[in-house]
């Protein structure tokens, strides 16, 4: 969705996903502010599987991803979901596919 925000006049965006994709998030922002729409849409497509994983698994996906990257993800809120072994494997595969691990 991010490229569309810029087309509507936005000059930036916020996302928790940047915790695990800082370099890629900056690349998307730079493409959008330069009106490089083809490049921005390629980045949008890159983020789609990550966004879908976060949608289905929740913020625990980001916390687990941070830990897998050797960063501090911190505890999940008491009301938040803990990932089981199968979900952790899915997140790890996705991060490897997206070249984040």
C-alpha atoms as a PDB file:
ATOM      1  CA  UNK A   1       0.000   0.000   0.000  1.00  0.00           C
ATOM      2  CA  UNK A   2       2.879   2.379   0.636  1.00  0.00           C
ATOM      3  CA  UNK A   3       3.354   3.551  -2.972  1.00  0.00           C
ATOM      4  CA  UNK A   4      -0.306   4.548  -3.057  1.00  0.00           C
ATOM      5  CA  UNK A   5       0.127   6.695   0.055  1.00  0.00           C
ATOM      6  CA  UNK A   6       2.786   8.693  -1.779  1.00  0.00           C
ATOM      7  CA  UNK A   7       0.612   8.996  -4.863  1.00  0.00           C
ATOM      8  CA  UNK A   8      -2.025  10.522  -2.576  1.00  0.00           C
ATOM      9  CA  UNK A   9       0.491  13.075  -1.287  1.00  0.00           C
ATOM     10  CA  UNK A  10       2.170  11.395   1.688  1.00  0.00           C
ATOM     11  CA  UNK A  11       5.820  12.228   2.288  1.00  0.00           C
ATOM     12  CA  UNK A  12       6.559   9.273   4.551  1.00  0.00           C
ATOM     13  CA  UNK A  13       5.088   6.212   6.218  1.00  0.00           C
ATOM     14  CA  UNK A  14       5.292   4.355   9.508  1.00  0.00           C
ATOM     15  CA  UNK A  15       5.614   0.627   9.922  1.00  0.00           C
ATOM     16  CA  UNK A  16       6.642  -1.810  12.593  1.00  0.00           C
ATOM     17  CA  UNK A  17       8.006  -3.961   9.775  1.00  0.00           C
ATOM     18  CA  UNK A  18      10.983  -1.588   9.546  1.00  0.00           C
ATOM     19  CA  UNK A  19      12.275  -3.202  12.726  1.00  0.00           C
ATOM     20  CA  UNK A  20      13.329  -6.184  10.613  1.00  0.00           C
ATOM     21  CA  UNK A  21      13.510  -4.478   7.206  1.00  0.00           C
ATOM     22  CA  UNK A  22      15.101  -1.073   7.816  1.00  0.00           C
ATOM     23  CA  UNK A  23      17.261  -1.057   4.665  1.00  0.00           C
ATOM     24  CA  UNK A  24      14.382  -2.284   2.495  1.00  0.00           C
ATOM     25  CA  UNK A  25      11.910   0.180   4.042  1.00  0.00           C
ATOM     26  CA  UNK A  26      14.285   3.055   3.305  1.00  0.00           C
ATOM     27  CA  UNK A  27      14.684   1.818  -0.287  1.00  0.00           C
ATOM     28  CA  UNK A  28      10.889   1.800  -0.699  1.00  0.00           C
ATOM     29  CA  UNK A  29      10.652   5.322   0.737  1.00  0.00           C
ATOM     30  CA  UNK A  30      13.435   6.600  -1.520  1.00  0.00           C
ATOM     31  CA  UNK A  31      11.828   5.111  -4.627  1.00  0.00           C
ATOM     32  CA  UNK A  32       8.459   6.645  -3.737  1.00  0.00           C
ATOM     33  CA  UNK A  33       9.760  10.147  -2.969  1.00  0.00           C
ATOM     34  CA  UNK A  34      11.619  10.084  -6.301  1.00  0.00           C
ATOM     35  CA  UNK A  35       8.425   8.957  -8.101  1.00  0.00           C
ATOM     36  CA  UNK A  36      10.186   5.791  -9.241  1.00  0.00           C
ATOM     37  CA  UNK A  37       6.907   3.890  -9.280  1.00  0.00           C
ATOM     38  CA  UNK A  38       8.146   0.718 -10.944  1.00  0.00           C
ATOM     39  CA  UNK A  39      10.867   0.371  -8.317  1.00  0.00           C
ATOM     40  CA  UNK A  40       8.396   1.275  -5.532  1.00  0.00           C
ATOM     41  CA  UNK A  41       5.999  -1.433  -6.729  1.00  0.00           C
ATOM     42  CA  UNK A  42       8.815  -4.000  -6.809  1.00  0.00           C
ATOM     43  CA  UNK A  43       9.465  -3.138  -3.152  1.00  0.00           C
ATOM     44  CA  UNK A  44       5.750  -3.335  -2.417  1.00  0.00           C
ATOM     45  CA  UNK A  45       5.764  -6.852  -3.862  1.00  0.00           C
ATOM     46  CA  UNK A  46       8.820  -7.711  -1.754  1.00  0.00           C
ATOM     47  CA  UNK A  47       6.956  -6.717   1.408  1.00  0.00           C
ATOM     48  CA  UNK A  48       3.738  -8.564   0.558  1.00  0.00           C
ATOM     49  CA  UNK A  49       4.697 -12.013   1.981  1.00  0.00           C
ATOM     50  CA  UNK A  50       6.070 -10.353   5.124  1.00  0.00           C
ATOM     51  CA  UNK A  51       2.891  -8.333   5.548  1.00  0.00           C
ATOM     52  CA  UNK A  52       0.751 -11.422   5.032  1.00  0.00           C
ATOM     53  CA  UNK A  53       2.756 -13.334   7.623  1.00  0.00           C
ATOM     54  CA  UNK A  54       2.345 -10.519  10.112  1.00  0.00           C
ATOM     55  CA  UNK A  55      -1.379 -10.376   9.348  1.00  0.00           C
ATOM     56  CA  UNK A  56      -1.875 -14.085  10.007  1.00  0.00           C
ATOM     57  CA  UNK A  57       0.601 -14.597  12.853  1.00  0.00           C
ATOM     58  CA  UNK A  58       0.481 -11.147  14.435  1.00  0.00           C
ATOM     59  CA  UNK A  59       3.169  -8.987  15.975  1.00  0.00           C
ATOM     60  CA  UNK A  60       4.815 -12.095  17.388  1.00  0.00           C
ATOM     61  CA  UNK A  61       6.133 -12.551  13.845  1.00  0.00           C
ATOM     62  CA  UNK A  62       8.160  -9.344  14.220  1.00  0.00           C
ATOM     63  CA  UNK A  63       9.371 -10.190  17.715  1.00  0.00           C
ATOM     64  CA  UNK A  64      10.479 -13.664  16.626  1.00  0.00           C
ATOM     65  CA  UNK A  65      12.049 -12.250  13.487  1.00  0.00           C
ATOM     66  CA  UNK A  66      14.110  -9.801  15.527  1.00  0.00           C
ATOM     67  CA  UNK A  67      15.320 -12.603  17.773  1.00  0.00           C
ATOM     68  CA  UNK A  68      16.225 -14.754  14.759  1.00  0.00           C
ATOM     69  CA  UNK A  69      18.250 -11.825  13.423  1.00  0.00           C
ATOM     70  CA  UNK A  70      20.172 -11.655  16.692  1.00  0.00           C
ATOM     71  CA  UNK A  71      18.327  -8.570  17.929  1.00  0.00           C
ATOM     72  CA  UNK A  72      16.227  -8.051  21.031  1.00  0.00           C
ATOM     73  CA  UNK A  73      12.598  -8.652  20.174  1.00  0.00           C
ATOM     74  CA  UNK A  74      11.444  -8.275  23.740  1.00  0.00           C
ATOM     75  CA  UNK A  75       8.553 -10.033  25.400  1.00  0.00           C
ATOM     76  CA  UNK A  76       5.168 -10.414  23.749  1.00  0.00           C
ATOM     77  CA  UNK A  77       2.441  -8.542  25.571  1.00  0.00           C
ATOM     78  CA  UNK A  78       0.450 -10.749  27.932  1.00  0.00           C
ATOM     79  CA  UNK A  79      -2.482 -10.637  25.510  1.00  0.00           C
ATOM     80  CA  UNK A  80      -0.237 -11.468  22.541  1.00  0.00           C
ATOM     81  CA  UNK A  81       0.302 -14.781  20.855  1.00  0.00           C
ATOM     82  CA  UNK A  82       3.390 -16.912  21.385  1.00  0.00           C
ATOM     83  CA  UNK A  83       4.619 -18.701  18.268  1.00  0.00           C
ATOM     84  CA  UNK A  84       4.758 -22.458  18.296  1.00  0.00           C
ATOM     85  CA  UNK A  85       7.649 -24.359  16.682  1.00  0.00           C
ATOM     86  CA  UNK A  86       5.842 -24.674  13.348  1.00  0.00           C
ATOM     87  CA  UNK A  87       5.145 -20.937  13.150  1.00  0.00           C
ATOM     88  CA  UNK A  88       8.739 -20.125  14.101  1.00  0.00           C
ATOM     89  CA  UNK A  89       9.932 -22.369  11.252  1.00  0.00           C
ATOM     90  CA  UNK A  90       7.600 -20.531   8.847  1.00  0.00           C
ATOM     91  CA  UNK A  91       8.947 -17.156   9.967  1.00  0.00           C
ATOM     92  CA  UNK A  92      12.550 -18.365   9.654  1.00  0.00           C
ATOM     93  CA  UNK A  93      11.911 -19.690   6.104  1.00  0.00           C
ATOM     94  CA  UNK A  94      10.249 -16.425   5.128  1.00  0.00           C
ATOM     95  CA  UNK A  95      13.106 -14.324   6.497  1.00  0.00           C
ATOM     96  CA  UNK A  96      15.589 -16.493   4.594  1.00  0.00           C
ATOM     97  CA  UNK A  97      13.526 -16.229   1.393  1.00  0.00           C
ATOM     98  CA  UNK A  98      13.422 -12.437   1.772  1.00  0.00           C
ATOM     99  CA  UNK A  99      17.208 -12.450   2.411  1.00  0.00           C
ATOM    100  CA  UNK A 100      16.813 -11.039   5.909  1.00  0.00           C
ATOM    101  CA  UNK A 101      18.641 -13.995   7.470  1.00  0.00           C
END
